[in-house]
Amino acid sequence: MAGCRRKVAVVHQDLGLVEWMSDKSIIALLALAAMIPMAAGKIDLTVGYGIVLWHILAISLQTSFGIPWPMAVLIVLLLGALTGFLDVTAYVGEKLVPLWTRFSDGTVWFSDPTYGIDSHYEGHRAAPELASCDVYRLDLVTGEVRAVVTDMLRPNGLCFSPNEDFLYVSETGRTHDPACEPAIRAYPLDAAGRVGGGRLFARSPNGFFDGFRADTAGNVWASNADAVCVYAPDGTHIGSIPVPEMISNLCFGGPKRNRLFITAQTSLYAIYVNAHGAGWAD
């Protein structure tokens, strides 16, 4: 969550769960409590409540103990490996700064911008160990990691269309190159999840696109500076929801996934909308 400090939001759209915490000791206690069922191998960290648990643990390691975010994620993955659900040997020695989403075949797709190591603002400044910032596909069964989108300068937020025929990725490379246009690009996917050539989906009207989600109709709801911009499947701008401060991410939550949660610099906002997050069935 770029631009959000001190307060931590843990949001999971499948559960409609939001935890908003500003006390580091509370985070640490929750993380330690989460380790017990993890270590016992009773909770899969890749689905459902397990996702919330490993986020709590990684955030705790970062905020309470000063561990850089990539290393915090790696520690959690290693803990997962101890339970036998994931082989993480392929990650050791590589600094990844992942923003991720899941594909229906169980693979995890994530982008790797360098913002967590560009400065001390979001993490700890360090030199990147990879030559480029890309989008990766992680196979949780084999442990294979491979780059699937390699034509962007700083790929950031990402999500799939409801039927998974498109992968949407935001480009925020203007932070490193003034000539790079802030936009969301759409990449076609075949039945096997192979990625085709990307195309422009939406240009940013103000600042950068950060995190975003799709609804059941295929519309894309994108965080964009001080507003949520909504785009039809063909990229047409449908409308915007103004927010009184800079925002970074969003997701659909609640029992019917019709409540939009929006993370901002100092606050968490929620609004009921006439739409449902992708994956919800009436």
C-alpha atoms as a PDB file:
ATOM      1  CA  MET A   1       0.000   0.000   0.000  1.00  0.00           C
ATOM      2  CA  ALA A   2       2.011   2.927  -1.261  1.00  0.00           C
ATOM      3  CA  GLY A   3       1.694   6.080   0.824  1.00  0.00           C
ATOM      4  CA  CYS A   4       0.110   4.483   3.917  1.00  0.00           C
ATOM      5  CA  ARG A   5       2.169   4.678   7.099  1.00  0.00           C
ATOM      6  CA  ARG A   6       1.635   3.909  10.782  1.00  0.00           C
ATOM      7  CA  LYS A   7      -1.781   2.321  10.275  1.00  0.00           C
ATOM      8  CA  VAL A   8      -2.055  -1.111   8.675  1.00  0.00           C
ATOM      9  CA  ALA A   9      -5.031  -2.473   6.749  1.00  0.00           C
ATOM     10  CA  VAL A  10      -5.479  -6.193   6.247  1.00  0.00           C
ATOM     11  CA  VAL A  11      -8.239  -6.782   3.718  1.00  0.00           C
ATOM     12  CA  HIS A  12      -9.421 -10.006   2.127  1.00  0.00           C
ATOM     13  CA  GLN A  13     -12.285  -9.853  -0.342  1.00  0.00           C
ATOM     14  CA  ASP A  14     -13.287 -13.524  -0.046  1.00  0.00           C
ATOM     15  CA  LEU A  15     -13.985 -13.101   3.672  1.00  0.00           C
ATOM     16  CA  GLY A  16     -15.144  -9.499   3.694  1.00  0.00           C
ATOM     17  CA  LEU A  17     -12.665  -9.060   6.557  1.00  0.00           C
ATOM     18  CA  VAL A  18     -10.986  -5.798   7.491  1.00  0.00           C
ATOM     19  CA  GLU A  19      -8.608  -5.320  10.395  1.00  0.00           C
ATOM     20  CA  TRP A  20      -7.373  -1.744  10.908  1.00  0.00           C
ATOM     21  CA  MET A  21      -4.534  -1.553  13.406  1.00  0.00           C
ATOM     22  CA  SER A  22      -2.140   1.181  14.449  1.00  0.00           C
ATOM     23  CA  ASP A  23      -0.516  -0.333  17.564  1.00  0.00           C
ATOM     24  CA  LYS A  24       2.583  -2.377  16.766  1.00  0.00           C
ATOM     25  CA  SER A  25       2.253  -4.497  19.884  1.00  0.00           C
ATOM     26  CA  ILE A  26      -1.226  -5.598  18.835  1.00  0.00           C
ATOM     27  CA  ILE A  27       0.099  -6.605  15.443  1.00  0.00           C
ATOM     28  CA  ALA A  28       2.938  -8.560  17.042  1.00  0.00           C
ATOM     29  CA  LEU A  29       0.574 -10.409  19.369  1.00  0.00           C
ATOM     30  CA  LEU A  30      -1.748 -11.307  16.514  1.00  0.00           C
ATOM     31  CA  ALA A  31       1.210 -12.513  14.468  1.00  0.00           C
ATOM     32  CA  LEU A  32       2.520 -14.697  17.282  1.00  0.00           C
ATOM     33  CA  ALA A  33      -0.938 -16.154  17.778  1.00  0.00           C
ATOM     34  CA  ALA A  34      -1.121 -16.852  14.051  1.00  0.00           C
ATOM     35  CA  MET A  35       2.118 -18.831  14.155  1.00  0.00           C
ATOM     36  CA  ILE A  36       0.637 -21.554  16.357  1.00  0.00           C
ATOM     37  CA  PRO A  37      -1.911 -22.960  13.875  1.00  0.00           C
ATOM     38  CA  MET A  38       0.523 -22.304  11.016  1.00  0.00           C
ATOM     39  CA  ALA A  39       3.292 -24.339  12.607  1.00  0.00           C
ATOM     40  CA  ALA A  40       0.822 -27.130  13.316  1.00  0.00           C
ATOM     41  CA  GLY A  41       0.103 -27.296   9.588  1.00  0.00           C
ATOM     42  CA  LYS A  42      -3.634 -26.870  10.113  1.00  0.00           C
ATOM     43  CA  ILE A  43      -4.118 -23.750   7.982  1.00  0.00           C
ATOM     44  CA  ASP A  44      -3.232 -23.417   4.298  1.00  0.00           C
ATOM     45  CA  LEU A  45      -1.529 -20.026   3.916  1.00  0.00           C
ATOM     46  CA  THR A  46      -2.589 -19.781   0.259  1.00  0.00           C
ATOM     47  CA  VAL A  47      -6.368 -19.705   0.746  1.00  0.00           C
ATOM     48  CA  GLY A  48      -9.043 -18.141   2.912  1.00  0.00           C
ATOM     49  CA  TYR A  49      -8.146 -17.075   6.446  1.00  0.00           C
ATOM     50  CA  GLY A  50      -4.586 -18.298   5.961  1.00  0.00           C
ATOM     51  CA  ILE A  51      -3.969 -15.358   3.607  1.00  0.00           C
ATOM     52  CA  VAL A  52      -4.960 -12.920   6.362  1.00  0.00           C
ATOM     53  CA  LEU A  53      -2.741 -14.728   8.872  1.00  0.00           C
ATOM     54  CA  TRP A  54       0.423 -14.592   6.783  1.00  0.00           C
ATOM     55  CA  HIS A  55      -0.162 -10.922   5.980  1.00  0.00           C
ATOM     56  CA  ILE A  56      -0.429 -10.183   9.714  1.00  0.00           C
ATOM     57  CA  LEU A  57       2.800 -12.048  10.383  1.00  0.00           C
ATOM     58  CA  ALA A  58       4.753 -10.368   7.568  1.00  0.00           C
ATOM     59  CA  ILE A  59       3.499  -6.903   8.564  1.00  0.00           C
ATOM     60  CA  SER A  60       4.458  -7.611  12.165  1.00  0.00           C
ATOM     61  CA  LEU A  61       7.998  -8.578  11.222  1.00  0.00           C
ATOM     62  CA  GLN A  62       8.323  -5.389   9.187  1.00  0.00           C
ATOM     63  CA  THR A  63       6.751  -2.864  11.565  1.00  0.00           C
ATOM     64  CA  SER A  64       7.613  -4.292  14.975  1.00  0.00           C
ATOM     65  CA  PHE A  65      11.091  -5.631  14.319  1.00  0.00           C
ATOM     66  CA  GLY A  66      12.319  -3.511  11.414  1.00  0.00           C
ATOM     67  CA  ILE A  67      12.714  -6.444   9.026  1.00  0.00           C
ATOM     68  CA  PRO A  68      12.543  -5.344   5.346  1.00  0.00           C
ATOM     69  CA  TRP A  69       9.297  -6.345   3.647  1.00  0.00           C
ATOM     70  CA  PRO A  70      10.864  -8.735   1.079  1.00  0.00           C
ATOM     71  CA  MET A  71      12.692 -10.540   3.880  1.00  0.00           C
ATOM     72  CA  ALA A  72       9.525 -10.606   5.998  1.00  0.00           C
ATOM     73  CA  VAL A  73       7.640 -12.253   3.146  1.00  0.00           C
ATOM     74  CA  LEU A  74      10.459 -14.736   2.666  1.00  0.00           C
ATOM     75  CA  ILE A  75      10.394 -15.661   6.376  1.00  0.00           C
ATOM     76  CA  VAL A  76       6.668 -16.328   6.174  1.00  0.00           C
ATOM     77  CA  LEU A  77       7.154 -18.445   3.048  1.00  0.00           C
ATOM     78  CA  LEU A  78       9.837 -20.419   4.843  1.00  0.00           C
ATOM     79  CA  LEU A  79       7.414 -21.013   7.685  1.00  0.00           C
ATOM     80  CA  GLY A  80       4.946 -22.231   5.088  1.00  0.00           C
ATOM     81  CA  ALA A  81       7.587 -24.559   3.730  1.00  0.00           C
ATOM     82  CA  LEU A  82       7.968 -26.095   7.186  1.00  0.00           C
ATOM     83  CA  THR A  83       4.288 -27.065   7.031  1.00  0.00           C
ATOM     84  CA  GLY A  84       4.934 -28.784   3.694  1.00  0.00           C
ATOM     85  CA  PHE A  85       2.637 -26.675   1.504  1.00  0.00           C
ATOM     86  CA  LEU A  86       5.325 -24.850  -0.523  1.00  0.00           C
ATOM     87  CA  ASP A  87       8.886 -25.293  -1.741  1.00  0.00           C
ATOM     88  CA  VAL A  88      10.515 -21.870  -1.580  1.00  0.00           C
ATOM     89  CA  THR A  89      14.103 -22.766  -2.429  1.00  0.00           C
ATOM     90  CA  ALA A  90      13.777 -20.872  -5.714  1.00  0.00           C
ATOM     91  CA  TYR A  91      13.369 -17.554  -3.842  1.00  0.00           C
ATOM     92  CA  VAL A  92      16.395 -17.620  -1.583  1.00  0.00           C
ATOM     93  CA  GLY A  93      18.808 -14.811  -2.442  1.00  0.00           C
ATOM     94  CA  GLU A  94      16.404 -12.842  -4.647  1.00  0.00           C
ATOM     95  CA  LYS A  95      14.710  -9.696  -3.384  1.00  0.00           C
ATOM     96  CA  LEU A  96      11.099  -9.648  -4.519  1.00  0.00           C
ATOM     97  CA  VAL A  97       8.597  -6.958  -3.533  1.00  0.00           C
ATOM     98  CA  PRO A  98       5.378  -8.749  -4.444  1.00  0.00           C
ATOM     99  CA  LEU A  99       1.844  -7.493  -5.038  1.00  0.00           C
ATOM    100  CA  TRP A 100      -0.131 -10.596  -5.885  1.00  0.00           C
ATOM    101  CA  THR A 101      -3.378 -12.248  -6.950  1.00  0.00           C
ATOM    102  CA  ARG A 102      -4.501 -15.853  -7.438  1.00  0.00           C
ATOM    103  CA  PHE A 103      -5.512 -17.689 -10.618  1.00  0.00           C
ATOM    104  CA  SER A 104      -8.237 -20.352 -10.505  1.00  0.00           C
ATOM    105  CA  ASP A 105      -5.691 -23.122 -11.158  1.00  0.00           C
ATOM    106  CA  GLY A 106      -4.070 -22.310  -7.818  1.00  0.00           C
ATOM    107  CA  THR A 107      -1.081 -20.394  -9.176  1.00  0.00           C
ATOM    108  CA  VAL A 108      -0.110 -17.052  -7.666  1.00  0.00           C
ATOM    109  CA  TRP A 109       0.665 -14.108  -9.944  1.00  0.00           C
ATOM    110  CA  PHE A 110       2.570 -11.123  -8.607  1.00  0.00           C
ATOM    111  CA  SER A 111       4.347  -7.976  -9.708  1.00  0.00           C
ATOM    112  CA  ASP A 112       7.752  -6.903  -8.422  1.00  0.00           C
ATOM    113  CA  PRO A 113       8.184  -3.106  -8.364  1.00  0.00           C
ATOM    114  CA  THR A 114      11.133  -1.761  -6.398  1.00  0.00           C
ATOM    115  CA  TYR A 115       9.267   0.757  -4.237  1.00  0.00           C
ATOM    116  CA  GLY A 116       9.988  -1.127  -1.013  1.00  0.00           C
ATOM    117  CA  ILE A 117      13.743  -0.736  -1.570  1.00  0.00           C
ATOM    118  CA  ASP A 118      13.920   2.556  -3.510  1.00  0.00           C
ATOM    119  CA  SER A 119      14.037   4.543  -0.264  1.00  0.00           C
ATOM    120  CA  HIS A 120      13.570   4.248   3.473  1.00  0.00           C
ATOM    121  CA  TYR A 121       9.994   5.555   3.227  1.00  0.00           C
ATOM    122  CA  GLU A 122       8.323   2.192   2.603  1.00  0.00           C
ATOM    123  CA  GLY A 123      11.118  -0.126   3.678  1.00  0.00           C
ATOM    124  CA  HIS A 124      14.899  -0.122   3.622  1.00  0.00           C
ATOM    125  CA  ARG A 125      16.843   1.290   0.677  1.00  0.00           C
ATOM    126  CA  ALA A 126      18.803  -1.368  -1.192  1.00  0.00           C
ATOM    127  CA  ALA A 127      20.028  -2.159  -4.677  1.00  0.00           C
ATOM    128  CA  PRO A 128      17.682  -4.407  -6.688  1.00  0.00           C
ATOM    129  CA  GLU A 129      19.032  -7.884  -7.342  1.00  0.00           C
ATOM    130  CA  LEU A 130      17.030  -8.395 -10.531  1.00  0.00           C
ATOM    131  CA  ALA A 131      17.700  -6.608 -13.814  1.00  0.00           C
ATOM    132  CA  SER A 132      14.061  -5.686 -14.423  1.00  0.00           C
ATOM    133  CA  CYS A 133      10.681  -5.383 -12.723  1.00  0.00           C
ATOM    134  CA  ASP A 134       8.213  -7.926 -14.102  1.00  0.00           C
ATOM    135  CA  VAL A 135       5.042  -9.878 -13.394  1.00  0.00           C
ATOM    136  CA  TYR A 136       5.639 -13.451 -12.260  1.00  0.00           C
ATOM    137  CA  ARG A 137       3.659 -16.672 -12.067  1.00  0.00           C
ATOM    138  CA  LEU A 138       4.277 -18.966  -9.093  1.00  0.00           C
ATOM    139  CA  ASP A 139       3.221 -22.619  -9.285  1.00  0.00           C
ATOM    140  CA  LEU A 140       2.540 -23.702  -5.695  1.00  0.00           C
ATOM    141  CA  VAL A 141       2.797 -27.383  -6.637  1.00  0.00           C
ATOM    142  CA  THR A 142       6.166 -27.407  -8.396  1.00  0.00           C
ATOM    143  CA  GLY A 143       7.642 -24.230  -6.891  1.00  0.00           C
ATOM    144  CA  GLU A 144       8.408 -22.903 -10.387  1.00  0.00           C
ATOM    145  CA  VAL A 145       8.558 -19.117 -10.759  1.00  0.00           C
ATOM    146  CA  ARG A 146       8.650 -17.533 -14.204  1.00  0.00           C
ATOM    147  CA  ALA A 147       8.209 -14.038 -15.596  1.00  0.00           C
ATOM    148  CA  VAL A 148       5.027 -13.699 -17.665  1.00  0.00           C
ATOM    149  CA  VAL A 149       4.912  -9.925 -18.323  1.00  0.00           C
ATOM    150  CA  THR A 150       8.266  -8.340 -19.120  1.00  0.00           C
ATOM    151  CA  ASP A 151       7.401  -5.207 -21.131  1.00  0.00           C
ATOM    152  CA  MET A 152       6.662  -2.784 -18.272  1.00  0.00           C
ATOM    153  CA  LEU A 153       8.985  -0.458 -16.363  1.00  0.00           C
ATOM    154  CA  ARG A 154       7.278  -0.684 -12.947  1.00  0.00           C
ATOM    155  CA  PRO A 155       4.322  -3.102 -12.998  1.00  0.00           C
ATOM    156  CA  ASN A 156       2.260  -2.500  -9.883  1.00  0.00           C
ATOM    157  CA  GLY A 157      -1.365  -3.436  -9.115  1.00  0.00           C
ATOM    158  CA  LEU A 158      -2.890  -6.388 -10.924  1.00  0.00           C
ATOM    159  CA  CYS A 159      -6.091  -8.402 -11.176  1.00  0.00           C
ATOM    160  CA  PHE A 160      -7.857 -10.850 -13.485  1.00  0.00           C
ATOM    161  CA  SER A 161     -11.092 -10.312 -15.367  1.00  0.00           C
ATOM    162  CA  PRO A 162     -13.992 -12.388 -13.942  1.00  0.00           C
ATOM    163  CA  ASN A 163     -13.630 -15.175 -16.524  1.00  0.00           C
ATOM    164  CA  GLU A 164      -9.827 -14.917 -16.397  1.00  0.00           C
ATOM    165  CA  ASP A 165      -9.417 -14.157 -20.077  1.00  0.00           C
ATOM    166  CA  PHE A 166      -7.485 -10.955 -19.275  1.00  0.00           C
ATOM    167  CA  LEU A 167      -4.812  -9.934 -16.791  1.00  0.00           C
ATOM    168  CA  TYR A 168      -4.832  -6.229 -15.935  1.00  0.00           C
ATOM    169  CA  VAL A 169      -1.602  -4.596 -14.718  1.00  0.00           C
ATOM    170  CA  SER A 170      -0.957  -0.977 -13.763  1.00  0.00           C
ATOM    171  CA  GLU A 171       2.176   0.788 -15.016  1.00  0.00           C
ATOM    172  CA  THR A 172       3.662   3.282 -12.523  1.00  0.00           C
ATOM    173  CA  GLY A 173       7.067   3.650 -14.161  1.00  0.00           C
ATOM    174  CA  ARG A 174       6.848   7.443 -14.366  1.00  0.00           C
ATOM    175  CA  THR A 175       8.366   7.439 -10.864  1.00  0.00           C
ATOM    176  CA  HIS A 176      11.590   6.381 -12.580  1.00  0.00           C
ATOM    177  CA  ASP A 177      11.132   7.690 -16.142  1.00  0.00           C
ATOM    178  CA  PRO A 178       9.093  10.858 -16.948  1.00  0.00           C
ATOM    179  CA  ALA A 179       8.347   9.467 -20.426  1.00  0.00           C
ATOM    180  CA  CYS A 180       6.538   6.415 -19.049  1.00  0.00           C
ATOM    181  CA  GLU A 181       2.760   6.858 -19.286  1.00  0.00           C
ATOM    182  CA  PRO A 182       0.729   5.916 -16.165  1.00  0.00           C
ATOM    183  CA  ALA A 183      -1.864   3.431 -17.356  1.00  0.00           C
ATOM    184  CA  ILE A 184      -3.508   0.045 -16.951  1.00  0.00           C
ATOM    185  CA  ARG A 185      -2.600  -2.524 -19.590  1.00  0.00           C
ATOM    186  CA  ALA A 186      -4.636  -5.607 -20.501  1.00  0.00           C
ATOM    187  CA  TYR A 187      -2.982  -8.926 -21.380  1.00  0.00           C
ATOM    188  CA  PRO A 188      -5.030 -11.750 -22.959  1.00  0.00           C
ATOM    189  CA  LEU A 189      -4.809 -15.200 -21.384  1.00  0.00           C
ATOM    190  CA  ASP A 190      -5.517 -18.533 -23.038  1.00  0.00           C
ATOM    191  CA  ALA A 191      -7.114 -21.559 -21.345  1.00  0.00           C
ATOM    192  CA  ALA A 192      -3.721 -22.687 -20.026  1.00  0.00           C
ATOM    193  CA  GLY A 193      -2.979 -19.272 -18.509  1.00  0.00           C
ATOM    194  CA  ARG A 194      -0.397 -18.278 -21.119  1.00  0.00           C
ATOM    195  CA  VAL A 195      -0.031 -14.512 -21.568  1.00  0.00           C
ATOM    196  CA  GLY A 196      -0.387 -12.766 -24.924  1.00  0.00           C
ATOM    197  CA  GLY A 197       0.705  -9.310 -26.044  1.00  0.00           C
ATOM    198  CA  GLY A 198      -0.558  -6.425 -23.929  1.00  0.00           C
ATOM    199  CA  ARG A 199      -2.581  -3.395 -24.987  1.00  0.00           C
ATOM    200  CA  LEU A 200      -3.536  -0.083 -23.421  1.00  0.00           C
ATOM    201  CA  PHE A 201      -6.699  -0.462 -21.330  1.00  0.00           C
ATOM    202  CA  ALA A 202      -6.991   2.911 -19.552  1.00  0.00           C
ATOM    203  CA  ARG A 203      -4.886   6.048 -19.229  1.00  0.00           C
ATOM    204  CA  SER A 204      -4.572   7.583 -15.788  1.00  0.00           C
ATOM    205  CA  PRO A 205      -6.516  10.863 -15.507  1.00  0.00           C
ATOM    206  CA  ASN A 206      -4.580  11.975 -12.422  1.00  0.00           C
ATOM    207  CA  GLY A 207      -1.420  10.594 -10.884  1.00  0.00           C
ATOM    208  CA  PHE A 208      -1.055   6.812 -10.918  1.00  0.00           C
ATOM    209  CA  PHE A 209      -3.246   3.732 -10.854  1.00  0.00           C
ATOM    210  CA  ASP A 210      -2.349   1.637  -7.827  1.00  0.00           C
ATOM    211  CA  GLY A 211      -4.449  -1.303  -6.604  1.00  0.00           C
ATOM    212  CA  PHE A 212      -7.678  -2.326  -8.353  1.00  0.00           C
ATOM    213  CA  ARG A 213     -10.333  -5.039  -8.591  1.00  0.00           C
ATOM    214  CA  ALA A 214     -12.880  -6.295 -11.126  1.00  0.00           C
ATOM    215  CA  ASP A 215     -16.588  -6.775 -10.459  1.00  0.00           C
ATOM    216  CA  THR A 216     -18.862  -9.544 -11.724  1.00  0.00           C
ATOM    217  CA  ALA A 217     -19.742  -7.507 -14.828  1.00  0.00           C
ATOM    218  CA  GLY A 218     -16.085  -7.183 -15.782  1.00  0.00           C
ATOM    219  CA  ASN A 219     -15.788  -3.517 -14.808  1.00  0.00           C
ATOM    220  CA  VAL A 220     -12.450  -2.496 -13.295  1.00  0.00           C
ATOM    221  CA  TRP A 221     -12.490  -0.365 -10.112  1.00  0.00           C
ATOM    222  CA  ALA A 222      -9.093   1.346  -9.819  1.00  0.00           C
ATOM    223  CA  SER A 223      -7.506   3.504  -7.147  1.00  0.00           C
ATOM    224  CA  ASN A 224      -6.237   6.687  -8.788  1.00  0.00           C
ATOM    225  CA  ALA A 225      -4.802   9.551  -6.715  1.00  0.00           C
ATOM    226  CA  ASP A 226      -7.833  10.923  -4.812  1.00  0.00           C
ATOM    227  CA  ALA A 227     -10.580   8.930  -6.527  1.00  0.00           C
ATOM    228  CA  VAL A 228     -11.734   5.465  -7.489  1.00  0.00           C
ATOM    229  CA  CYS A 229     -12.100   5.310 -11.275  1.00  0.00           C
ATOM    230  CA  VAL A 230     -14.427   2.713 -12.785  1.00  0.00           C
ATOM    231  CA  TYR A 231     -13.888   1.363 -16.308  1.00  0.00           C
ATOM    232  CA  ALA A 232     -16.088  -0.825 -18.474  1.00  0.00           C
ATOM    233  CA  PRO A 233     -14.565  -4.013 -19.953  1.00  0.00           C
ATOM    234  CA  ASP A 234     -13.748  -2.086 -23.142  1.00  0.00           C
ATOM    235  CA  GLY A 235     -11.828   0.561 -21.185  1.00  0.00           C
ATOM    236  CA  THR A 236     -14.553   3.229 -21.268  1.00  0.00           C
ATOM    237  CA  HIS A 237     -14.511   5.432 -18.158  1.00  0.00           C
ATOM    238  CA  ILE A 238     -17.900   4.919 -16.466  1.00  0.00           C
ATOM    239  CA  GLY A 239     -17.452   7.229 -13.493  1.00  0.00           C
ATOM    240  CA  SER A 240     -15.438   8.065 -10.390  1.00  0.00           C
ATOM    241  CA  ILE A 241     -15.860   8.057  -6.615  1.00  0.00           C
ATOM    242  CA  PRO A 242     -14.002  11.039  -5.073  1.00  0.00           C
ATOM    243  CA  VAL A 243     -12.103  10.445  -1.839  1.00  0.00           C
ATOM    244  CA  PRO A 244     -10.859  13.328   0.381  1.00  0.00           C
ATOM    245  CA  GLU A 245      -7.256  12.066   0.480  1.00  0.00           C
ATOM    246  CA  MET A 246      -4.741  10.069  -1.525  1.00  0.00           C
ATOM    247  CA  ILE A 247      -5.719   6.411  -1.881  1.00  0.00           C
ATOM    248  CA  SER A 248      -3.646   3.323  -2.552  1.00  0.00           C
ATOM    249  CA  ASN A 249      -5.794   0.205  -2.811  1.00  0.00           C
ATOM    250  CA  LEU A 250      -9.296  -1.212  -2.647  1.00  0.00           C
ATOM    251  CA  CYS A 251     -11.288  -4.416  -2.583  1.00  0.00           C
ATOM    252  CA  PHE A 252     -14.865  -5.647  -2.433  1.00  0.00           C
ATOM    253  CA  GLY A 253     -15.999  -7.092   0.888  1.00  0.00           C
ATOM    254  CA  GLY A 254     -19.021  -7.983   2.964  1.00  0.00           C
ATOM    255  CA  PRO A 255     -21.287 -11.029   2.640  1.00  0.00           C
ATOM    256  CA  LYS A 256     -22.404  -9.932  -0.844  1.00  0.00           C
ATOM    257  CA  ARG A 257     -19.139  -8.292  -1.895  1.00  0.00           C
ATOM    258  CA  ASN A 258     -21.005  -5.067  -2.557  1.00  0.00           C
ATOM    259  CA  ARG A 259     -19.116  -2.924  -0.050  1.00  0.00           C
ATOM    260  CA  LEU A 260     -16.016  -1.268  -1.437  1.00  0.00           C
ATOM    261  CA  PHE A 261     -13.157  -0.829   1.060  1.00  0.00           C
ATOM    262  CA  ILE A 262     -10.597   1.847   0.157  1.00  0.00           C
ATOM    263  CA  THR A 263      -7.241   2.332   1.875  1.00  0.00           C
ATOM    264  CA  ALA A 264      -5.900   5.896   2.032  1.00  0.00           C
ATOM    265  CA  GLN A 265      -3.017   7.784   3.621  1.00  0.00           C
ATOM    266  CA  THR A 266      -4.563   8.086   7.091  1.00  0.00           C
ATOM    267  CA  SER A 267      -7.933   6.329   6.862  1.00  0.00           C
ATOM    268  CA  LEU A 268      -9.892   3.332   5.692  1.00  0.00           C
ATOM    269  CA  TYR A 269     -13.050   4.188   3.747  1.00  0.00           C
ATOM    270  CA  ALA A 270     -16.043   1.977   2.947  1.00  0.00           C
ATOM    271  CA  ILE A 271     -18.979   2.561   0.626  1.00  0.00           C
ATOM    272  CA  TYR A 272     -21.815   0.325  -0.567  1.00  0.00           C
ATOM    273  CA  VAL A 273     -21.966   0.150  -4.359  1.00  0.00           C
ATOM    274  CA  ASN A 274     -24.353  -1.247  -6.959  1.00  0.00           C
ATOM    275  CA  ALA A 275     -21.870  -3.948  -7.970  1.00  0.00           C
ATOM    276  CA  HIS A 276     -20.371  -7.157  -6.609  1.00  0.00           C
ATOM    277  CA  GLY A 277     -16.733  -8.200  -6.591  1.00  0.00           C
ATOM    278  CA  ALA A 278     -15.664 -10.840  -9.105  1.00  0.00           C
ATOM    279  CA  GLY A 279     -16.256 -14.341  -7.803  1.00  0.00           C
ATOM    280  CA  TRP A 280     -19.487 -13.548  -5.969  1.00  0.00           C
ATOM    281  CA  ALA A 281     -22.525 -15.615  -6.971  1.00  0.00           C
ATOM    282  CA  ASP A 282     -26.136 -14.641  -6.275  1.00  0.00           C
END
